[in-house]
Amino acid sequence: MVLKKLKDYLDRHGVHYEVLTHREAFTAQELAAAMHVPGREMAKVVVVKSGDRYLMAVLPAHHRLDLEKLRAITGRDVSLATEAEMASLFPDCEVGAMPPFGNLYQLEVYVDRSLSEDESIVFNAGTHHEAMRASYQDFAKLVQPKVVDISVHA
């Protein structure tokens, strides 16, 4: 079932979205392939520990996070969050299937500039078998991410 918190939030703000059901997928690239979506439109979430807090990096599925770039932008040491930390931060999501709406979890969000160029994005909806598609503009309006250069093509 689509993450209720996310669905309610989008409905409350009048955002048009599409719910997509797919075969179970655990990586953003697998998800993009399962749904026949270009990797550039699939929003991959990477949770990072930055100093004593966590933040969310959102980038295209076919890119990888450049921790050095993110470190330079934040001015703090950064490291990937562990699965246990992610389970604690997103208790209503399957581990690794959190949506890119860090604002719903009090997390600052950094979006790779290349993802911001897409008309729509596809993202996990809390499970490994459901995703959503929404316009990038609606996502940006609600989340107000920092749009930066934080990835490299994988």
N, C-alpha and C. Protein backbone atom coordinates (compact mmCIF):
# COMPACT_ATOMS: atom_id res chain seq x y z
N MET A 1 0.84 -1.19 0.00
CA MET A 1 0.00 0.00 0.00
C MET A 1 0.88 1.25 0.00
N VAL A 2 0.54 2.18 -0.83
CA VAL A 2 1.30 3.43 -0.95
C VAL A 2 1.38 4.10 0.42
N LEU A 3 2.53 4.64 0.70
CA LEU A 3 2.78 5.31 1.96
C LEU A 3 1.70 6.35 2.25
N LYS A 4 0.91 6.11 3.28
CA LYS A 4 -0.23 6.97 3.61
C LYS A 4 0.21 8.42 3.88
N LYS A 5 1.28 8.57 4.62
CA LYS A 5 1.79 9.91 4.95
C LYS A 5 2.05 10.72 3.68
N LEU A 6 2.67 10.08 2.70
CA LEU A 6 2.99 10.76 1.45
C LEU A 6 1.73 11.06 0.64
N LYS A 7 0.87 10.06 0.50
CA LYS A 7 -0.37 10.23 -0.27
C LYS A 7 -1.23 11.35 0.34
N ASP A 8 -1.39 11.34 1.65
CA ASP A 8 -2.17 12.39 2.31
C ASP A 8 -1.56 13.77 2.08
N TYR A 9 -0.24 13.85 2.14
CA TYR A 9 0.46 15.12 1.94
C TYR A 9 0.23 15.65 0.52
N LEU A 10 0.40 14.79 -0.46
CA LEU A 10 0.20 15.20 -1.85
C LEU A 10 -1.26 15.58 -2.11
N ASP A 11 -2.19 14.80 -1.57
CA ASP A 11 -3.61 15.11 -1.74
C ASP A 11 -3.97 16.45 -1.10
N ARG A 12 -3.45 16.69 0.09
CA ARG A 12 -3.73 17.93 0.82
C ARG A 12 -3.25 19.16 0.04
N HIS A 13 -2.18 18.99 -0.73
CA HIS A 13 -1.62 20.10 -1.51
C HIS A 13 -2.08 20.10 -2.97
N GLY A 14 -3.03 19.24 -3.30
CA GLY A 14 -3.61 19.22 -4.63
C GLY A 14 -2.64 18.82 -5.74
N VAL A 15 -1.67 17.98 -5.39
CA VAL A 15 -0.68 17.54 -6.36
C VAL A 15 -1.22 16.35 -7.15
N HIS A 16 -1.11 16.42 -8.47
CA HIS A 16 -1.49 15.30 -9.32
C HIS A 16 -0.33 14.31 -9.33
N TYR A 17 -0.63 13.05 -9.11
CA TYR A 17 0.39 12.01 -9.13
C TYR A 17 -0.22 10.73 -9.66
N GLU A 18 0.66 9.82 -10.04
CA GLU A 18 0.25 8.52 -10.54
C GLU A 18 0.93 7.47 -9.67
N VAL A 19 0.17 6.48 -9.22
CA VAL A 19 0.73 5.37 -8.46
C VAL A 19 1.09 4.27 -9.44
N LEU A 20 2.30 3.77 -9.34
CA LEU A 20 2.80 2.74 -10.25
C LEU A 20 3.15 1.49 -9.45
N THR A 21 2.57 0.37 -9.83
CA THR A 21 2.89 -0.91 -9.19
C THR A 21 3.86 -1.64 -10.11
N HIS A 22 4.84 -2.30 -9.53
CA HIS A 22 5.86 -2.97 -10.32
C HIS A 22 6.35 -4.21 -9.61
N ARG A 23 7.10 -5.05 -10.34
CA ARG A 23 7.70 -6.22 -9.68
C ARG A 23 8.68 -5.71 -8.62
N GLU A 24 8.92 -6.50 -7.62
CA GLU A 24 9.80 -6.09 -6.53
C GLU A 24 11.17 -5.69 -7.07
N ALA A 25 11.63 -4.51 -6.64
CA ALA A 25 12.93 -3.99 -7.08
C ALA A 25 13.60 -3.33 -5.88
N PHE A 26 14.90 -3.53 -5.77
CA PHE A 26 15.62 -3.02 -4.61
C PHE A 26 16.59 -1.89 -4.92
N THR A 27 16.93 -1.70 -6.18
CA THR A 27 17.79 -0.58 -6.53
C THR A 27 17.03 0.34 -7.47
N ALA A 28 17.47 1.57 -7.54
CA ALA A 28 16.81 2.54 -8.42
C ALA A 28 16.93 2.12 -9.88
N GLN A 29 18.05 1.55 -10.26
CA GLN A 29 18.22 1.09 -11.64
C GLN A 29 17.27 -0.07 -11.94
N GLU A 30 17.11 -1.01 -10.99
CA GLU A 30 16.16 -2.12 -11.18
C GLU A 30 14.75 -1.58 -11.31
N LEU A 31 14.41 -0.60 -10.48
CA LEU A 31 13.08 -0.01 -10.51
C LEU A 31 12.83 0.69 -11.84
N ALA A 32 13.80 1.45 -12.31
CA ALA A 32 13.65 2.14 -13.59
C ALA A 32 13.44 1.12 -14.72
N ALA A 33 14.21 0.04 -14.70
CA ALA A 33 14.07 -0.99 -15.73
C ALA A 33 12.71 -1.68 -15.64
N ALA A 34 12.26 -2.00 -14.42
CA ALA A 34 10.99 -2.68 -14.23
C ALA A 34 9.82 -1.85 -14.75
N MET A 35 9.94 -0.54 -14.66
CA MET A 35 8.84 0.34 -15.08
C MET A 35 9.09 0.97 -16.45
N HIS A 36 10.21 0.61 -17.09
CA HIS A 36 10.55 1.16 -18.41
C HIS A 36 10.61 2.68 -18.36
N VAL A 37 11.27 3.18 -17.32
CA VAL A 37 11.44 4.62 -17.12
C VAL A 37 12.93 4.94 -17.32
N PRO A 38 13.25 5.99 -18.06
CA PRO A 38 14.66 6.36 -18.21
C PRO A 38 15.29 6.64 -16.84
N GLY A 39 16.54 6.20 -16.66
CA GLY A 39 17.23 6.40 -15.39
C GLY A 39 17.29 7.85 -14.95
N ARG A 40 17.29 8.77 -15.92
CA ARG A 40 17.38 10.20 -15.58
C ARG A 40 16.11 10.70 -14.90
N GLU A 41 14.97 10.00 -15.08
CA GLU A 41 13.71 10.41 -14.45
C GLU A 41 13.43 9.69 -13.13
N MET A 42 14.20 8.66 -12.84
CA MET A 42 14.00 7.89 -11.61
C MET A 42 14.80 8.55 -10.48
N ALA A 43 14.10 9.06 -9.49
CA ALA A 43 14.74 9.76 -8.37
C ALA A 43 15.20 8.76 -7.32
N LYS A 44 16.50 8.65 -7.16
CA LYS A 44 17.11 7.75 -6.18
C LYS A 44 17.40 8.56 -4.92
N VAL A 45 17.06 7.99 -3.78
CA VAL A 45 17.30 8.65 -2.49
C VAL A 45 18.51 8.01 -1.82
N VAL A 46 19.44 8.85 -1.40
CA VAL A 46 20.59 8.38 -0.62
C VAL A 46 20.57 9.16 0.69
N VAL A 47 20.54 8.43 1.80
CA VAL A 47 20.51 9.08 3.11
C VAL A 47 21.94 9.17 3.62
N VAL A 48 22.30 10.36 4.07
CA VAL A 48 23.66 10.66 4.47
C VAL A 48 23.68 11.21 5.89
N LYS A 49 24.66 10.76 6.66
CA LYS A 49 24.89 11.34 7.98
C LYS A 49 25.87 12.49 7.77
N SER A 50 25.51 13.64 8.29
CA SER A 50 26.33 14.84 8.11
C SER A 50 26.51 15.47 9.49
N GLY A 51 27.68 15.27 10.06
CA GLY A 51 27.89 15.74 11.43
C GLY A 51 26.98 14.95 12.35
N ASP A 52 26.16 15.65 13.12
CA ASP A 52 25.26 14.96 14.07
C ASP A 52 23.82 14.87 13.55
N ARG A 53 23.63 15.10 12.25
CA ARG A 53 22.28 15.03 11.69
C ARG A 53 22.31 14.25 10.39
N TYR A 54 21.13 14.02 9.86
CA TYR A 54 21.00 13.29 8.60
C TYR A 54 20.43 14.21 7.54
N LEU A 55 20.73 13.90 6.30
CA LEU A 55 20.15 14.64 5.19
C LEU A 55 19.86 13.65 4.07
N MET A 56 19.07 14.13 3.11
CA MET A 56 18.66 13.30 2.00
C MET A 56 19.24 13.88 0.72
N ALA A 57 19.91 13.02 -0.04
CA ALA A 57 20.41 13.40 -1.37
C ALA A 57 19.54 12.68 -2.38
N VAL A 58 19.07 13.40 -3.39
CA VAL A 58 18.20 12.84 -4.41
C VAL A 58 18.87 13.05 -5.76
N LEU A 59 19.04 11.95 -6.49
CA LEU A 59 19.73 12.01 -7.76
C LEU A 59 19.15 11.01 -8.75
N PRO A 60 19.47 11.15 -10.03
CA PRO A 60 18.96 10.19 -11.01
C PRO A 60 19.49 8.78 -10.73
N ALA A 61 18.70 7.78 -11.10
CA ALA A 61 19.07 6.38 -10.83
C ALA A 61 20.41 5.99 -11.43
N HIS A 62 20.75 6.54 -12.57
CA HIS A 62 21.97 6.14 -13.25
C HIS A 62 23.19 6.98 -12.83
N HIS A 63 23.05 7.71 -11.75
CA HIS A 63 24.16 8.48 -11.19
C HIS A 63 24.54 7.90 -9.83
N ARG A 64 25.69 8.29 -9.35
CA ARG A 64 26.08 7.93 -7.99
C ARG A 64 26.44 9.21 -7.25
N LEU A 65 26.17 9.20 -5.96
CA LEU A 65 26.44 10.36 -5.11
C LEU A 65 27.94 10.56 -4.99
N ASP A 66 28.37 11.79 -5.13
CA ASP A 66 29.77 12.15 -4.95
C ASP A 66 29.87 12.76 -3.55
N LEU A 67 30.34 11.97 -2.60
CA LEU A 67 30.41 12.43 -1.21
C LEU A 67 31.34 13.63 -1.04
N GLU A 68 32.38 13.72 -1.86
CA GLU A 68 33.30 14.87 -1.76
C GLU A 68 32.58 16.16 -2.15
N LYS A 69 31.78 16.11 -3.20
CA LYS A 69 31.01 17.30 -3.60
C LYS A 69 30.04 17.70 -2.50
N LEU A 70 29.36 16.71 -1.93
CA LEU A 70 28.39 17.00 -0.86
C LEU A 70 29.10 17.54 0.38
N ARG A 71 30.26 17.01 0.69
CA ARG A 71 31.05 17.50 1.83
C ARG A 71 31.43 18.97 1.62
N ALA A 72 31.83 19.31 0.40
CA ALA A 72 32.21 20.70 0.10
C ALA A 72 31.00 21.63 0.22
N ILE A 73 29.84 21.16 -0.19
CA ILE A 73 28.62 21.98 -0.14
C ILE A 73 28.14 22.19 1.29
N THR A 74 28.15 21.12 2.08
CA THR A 74 27.63 21.23 3.46
C THR A 74 28.67 21.79 4.43
N GLY A 75 29.95 21.64 4.09
CA GLY A 75 31.01 22.08 5.00
C GLY A 75 31.19 21.16 6.19
N ARG A 76 30.64 19.95 6.09
CA ARG A 76 30.75 18.97 7.19
C ARG A 76 31.14 17.61 6.62
N ASP A 77 31.72 16.78 7.46
CA ASP A 77 32.00 15.40 7.05
C ASP A 77 30.68 14.72 6.75
N VAL A 78 30.67 13.86 5.76
CA VAL A 78 29.47 13.12 5.39
C VAL A 78 29.82 11.65 5.19
N SER A 79 28.86 10.79 5.51
CA SER A 79 29.02 9.36 5.29
C SER A 79 27.64 8.77 5.03
N LEU A 80 27.61 7.65 4.36
CA LEU A 80 26.33 7.01 4.06
C LEU A 80 25.70 6.48 5.34
N ALA A 81 24.40 6.64 5.46
CA ALA A 81 23.67 6.10 6.61
C ALA A 81 23.61 4.58 6.49
N THR A 82 23.58 3.92 7.62
CA THR A 82 23.46 2.46 7.62
C THR A 82 22.00 2.06 7.46
N GLU A 83 21.77 0.79 7.16
CA GLU A 83 20.39 0.30 7.05
C GLU A 83 19.65 0.47 8.37
N ALA A 84 20.32 0.25 9.49
CA ALA A 84 19.69 0.41 10.80
C ALA A 84 19.28 1.87 11.02
N GLU A 85 20.14 2.80 10.63
CA GLU A 85 19.81 4.22 10.77
C GLU A 85 18.62 4.58 9.88
N MET A 86 18.60 4.05 8.65
CA MET A 86 17.47 4.34 7.75
C MET A 86 16.17 3.76 8.30
N ALA A 87 16.24 2.57 8.87
CA ALA A 87 15.03 1.95 9.45
C ALA A 87 14.49 2.82 10.58
N SER A 88 15.38 3.42 11.33
CA SER A 88 14.99 4.29 12.44
C SER A 88 14.42 5.62 11.93
N LEU A 89 15.01 6.17 10.89
CA LEU A 89 14.58 7.46 10.34
C LEU A 89 13.25 7.37 9.59
N PHE A 90 13.00 6.21 8.97
CA PHE A 90 11.81 6.02 8.13
C PHE A 90 11.05 4.77 8.59
N PRO A 91 10.48 4.80 9.79
CA PRO A 91 9.85 3.59 10.35
C PRO A 91 8.63 3.11 9.56
N ASP A 92 8.04 3.98 8.75
CA ASP A 92 6.86 3.60 7.98
C ASP A 92 7.20 3.14 6.57
N CYS A 93 8.49 3.01 6.26
CA CYS A 93 8.93 2.60 4.92
C CYS A 93 9.74 1.31 5.01
N GLU A 94 9.71 0.53 3.93
CA GLU A 94 10.63 -0.58 3.82
C GLU A 94 12.03 0.03 3.65
N VAL A 95 13.03 -0.58 4.25
CA VAL A 95 14.39 -0.04 4.18
C VAL A 95 14.81 0.12 2.73
N GLY A 96 15.23 1.33 2.39
CA GLY A 96 15.69 1.61 1.05
C GLY A 96 14.59 2.04 0.09
N ALA A 97 13.34 2.13 0.55
CA ALA A 97 12.23 2.49 -0.34
C ALA A 97 11.59 3.82 0.05
N MET A 98 12.34 4.66 0.73
CA MET A 98 11.77 5.94 1.18
C MET A 98 11.61 6.89 0.00
N PRO A 99 10.56 7.70 0.03
CA PRO A 99 10.34 8.69 -1.02
C PRO A 99 11.27 9.88 -0.81
N PRO A 100 11.45 10.71 -1.83
CA PRO A 100 12.38 11.84 -1.72
C PRO A 100 11.82 13.06 -0.98
N PHE A 101 10.81 12.85 -0.18
CA PHE A 101 10.18 13.95 0.57
C PHE A 101 10.76 14.00 1.97
N GLY A 102 12.01 14.43 2.06
CA GLY A 102 12.69 14.52 3.35
C GLY A 102 11.98 15.44 4.32
N ASN A 103 11.25 16.42 3.80
CA ASN A 103 10.52 17.35 4.66
C ASN A 103 9.48 16.62 5.53
N LEU A 104 9.00 15.46 5.08
CA LEU A 104 8.05 14.69 5.89
C LEU A 104 8.73 14.01 7.07
N TYR A 105 10.06 13.99 7.05
CA TYR A 105 10.85 13.33 8.10
C TYR A 105 11.83 14.30 8.75
N GLN A 106 11.61 15.59 8.57
CA GLN A 106 12.46 16.64 9.11
C GLN A 106 13.92 16.50 8.64
N LEU A 107 14.10 16.14 7.37
CA LEU A 107 15.43 16.04 6.79
C LEU A 107 15.60 17.09 5.70
N GLU A 108 16.75 17.72 5.71
CA GLU A 108 17.11 18.65 4.65
C GLU A 108 17.34 17.84 3.37
N VAL A 109 16.89 18.38 2.24
CA VAL A 109 16.98 17.66 0.97
C VAL A 109 17.87 18.41 -0.02
N TYR A 110 18.81 17.67 -0.61
CA TYR A 110 19.69 18.17 -1.66
C TYR A 110 19.36 17.38 -2.92
N VAL A 111 19.03 18.08 -4.01
CA VAL A 111 18.69 17.43 -5.27
C VAL A 111 19.77 17.73 -6.29
N ASP A 112 20.20 16.70 -7.00
CA ASP A 112 21.17 16.92 -8.05
C ASP A 112 20.54 17.74 -9.16
N ARG A 113 21.27 18.72 -9.62
CA ARG A 113 20.79 19.65 -10.65
C ARG A 113 20.23 18.92 -11.87
N SER A 114 20.84 17.82 -12.28
CA SER A 114 20.39 17.11 -13.48
C SER A 114 18.96 16.59 -13.34
N LEU A 115 18.56 16.21 -12.14
CA LEU A 115 17.19 15.72 -11.91
C LEU A 115 16.19 16.86 -12.02
N SER A 116 16.61 18.05 -11.68
CA SER A 116 15.70 19.20 -11.70
C SER A 116 15.31 19.62 -13.12
N GLU A 117 15.98 19.07 -14.11
CA GLU A 117 15.70 19.41 -15.50
C GLU A 117 14.57 18.57 -16.09
N ASP A 118 14.09 17.56 -15.36
CA ASP A 118 13.04 16.69 -15.86
C ASP A 118 11.66 17.27 -15.60
N GLU A 119 10.74 17.02 -16.52
CA GLU A 119 9.37 17.47 -16.34
C GLU A 119 8.68 16.70 -15.22
N SER A 120 8.92 15.37 -15.20
CA SER A 120 8.34 14.56 -14.13
C SER A 120 9.41 13.63 -13.58
N ILE A 121 9.19 13.17 -12.37
CA ILE A 121 10.11 12.22 -11.74
C ILE A 121 9.30 11.05 -11.20
N VAL A 122 9.96 9.90 -11.11
CA VAL A 122 9.38 8.70 -10.54
C VAL A 122 10.19 8.39 -9.29
N PHE A 123 9.52 7.97 -8.23
CA PHE A 123 10.21 7.73 -6.97
C PHE A 123 9.52 6.64 -6.17
N ASN A 124 10.29 6.03 -5.26
CA ASN A 124 9.73 5.01 -4.37
C ASN A 124 8.64 5.62 -3.51
N ALA A 125 7.65 4.79 -3.19
CA ALA A 125 6.52 5.25 -2.39
C ALA A 125 6.43 4.50 -1.07
N GLY A 126 7.57 4.08 -0.54
CA GLY A 126 7.59 3.45 0.78
C GLY A 126 7.72 1.94 0.75
N THR A 127 7.54 1.32 -0.43
CA THR A 127 7.70 -0.13 -0.55
C THR A 127 8.58 -0.45 -1.75
N HIS A 128 8.98 -1.72 -1.85
CA HIS A 128 9.80 -2.14 -2.98
C HIS A 128 8.96 -2.60 -4.17
N HIS A 129 7.65 -2.37 -4.12
CA HIS A 129 6.81 -2.75 -5.25
C HIS A 129 5.82 -1.64 -5.66
N GLU A 130 6.00 -0.45 -5.12
CA GLU A 130 5.17 0.68 -5.51
C GLU A 130 6.03 1.92 -5.69
N ALA A 131 5.64 2.70 -6.66
CA ALA A 131 6.33 3.97 -6.93
C ALA A 131 5.27 5.00 -7.30
N MET A 132 5.69 6.23 -7.43
CA MET A 132 4.80 7.30 -7.84
C MET A 132 5.50 8.15 -8.89
N ARG A 133 4.68 8.77 -9.73
CA ARG A 133 5.18 9.74 -10.70
C ARG A 133 4.47 11.06 -10.40
N ALA A 134 5.24 12.14 -10.36
CA ALA A 134 4.69 13.48 -10.15
C ALA A 134 5.56 14.46 -10.92
N SER A 135 5.07 15.66 -11.09
CA SER A 135 5.88 16.65 -11.79
C SER A 135 7.03 17.09 -10.87
N TYR A 136 8.17 17.36 -11.50
CA TYR A 136 9.30 17.83 -10.71
C TYR A 136 8.94 19.16 -10.05
N GLN A 137 8.21 20.01 -10.75
CA GLN A 137 7.86 21.32 -10.20
C GLN A 137 7.03 21.19 -8.93
N ASP A 138 6.06 20.27 -8.91
CA ASP A 138 5.27 20.06 -7.69
C ASP A 138 6.16 19.56 -6.55
N PHE A 139 7.05 18.61 -6.87
CA PHE A 139 7.99 18.10 -5.87
C PHE A 139 8.82 19.25 -5.30
N ALA A 140 9.39 20.07 -6.17
CA ALA A 140 10.25 21.17 -5.73
C ALA A 140 9.48 22.19 -4.90
N LYS A 141 8.25 22.45 -5.29
CA LYS A 141 7.43 23.43 -4.56
C LYS A 141 7.17 22.94 -3.13
N LEU A 142 6.90 21.66 -2.97
CA LEU A 142 6.59 21.12 -1.64
C LEU A 142 7.82 20.88 -0.78
N VAL A 143 8.89 20.39 -1.38
CA VAL A 143 10.08 20.00 -0.62
C VAL A 143 11.05 21.16 -0.46
N GLN A 144 11.10 22.05 -1.42
CA GLN A 144 12.06 23.16 -1.45
C GLN A 144 13.49 22.68 -1.21
N PRO A 145 13.94 21.76 -2.07
CA PRO A 145 15.29 21.22 -1.91
C PRO A 145 16.36 22.23 -2.33
N LYS A 146 17.56 21.99 -1.89
CA LYS A 146 18.70 22.74 -2.39
C LYS A 146 19.13 22.03 -3.67
N VAL A 147 19.13 22.73 -4.79
CA VAL A 147 19.50 22.14 -6.07
C VAL A 147 20.98 22.41 -6.29
N VAL A 148 21.76 21.32 -6.33
CA VAL A 148 23.22 21.42 -6.38
C VAL A 148 23.80 20.32 -7.28
N ASP A 149 25.07 20.41 -7.53
CA ASP A 149 25.78 19.39 -8.32
C ASP A 149 26.41 18.41 -7.33
N ILE A 150 25.78 17.23 -7.14
CA ILE A 150 26.27 16.29 -6.12
C ILE A 150 26.47 14.87 -6.65
N SER A 151 26.38 14.69 -7.97
CA SER A 151 26.51 13.32 -8.47
C SER A 151 27.43 13.24 -9.67
N VAL A 152 27.78 12.01 -10.00
CA VAL A 152 28.53 11.71 -11.21
C VAL A 152 27.80 10.58 -11.91
N HIS A 153 27.89 10.55 -13.22
CA HIS A 153 27.25 9.50 -14.00
C HIS A 153 27.94 8.18 -13.66
N ALA A 154 27.15 7.17 -13.31
CA ALA A 154 27.74 5.88 -12.90
C ALA A 154 28.21 5.08 -14.09
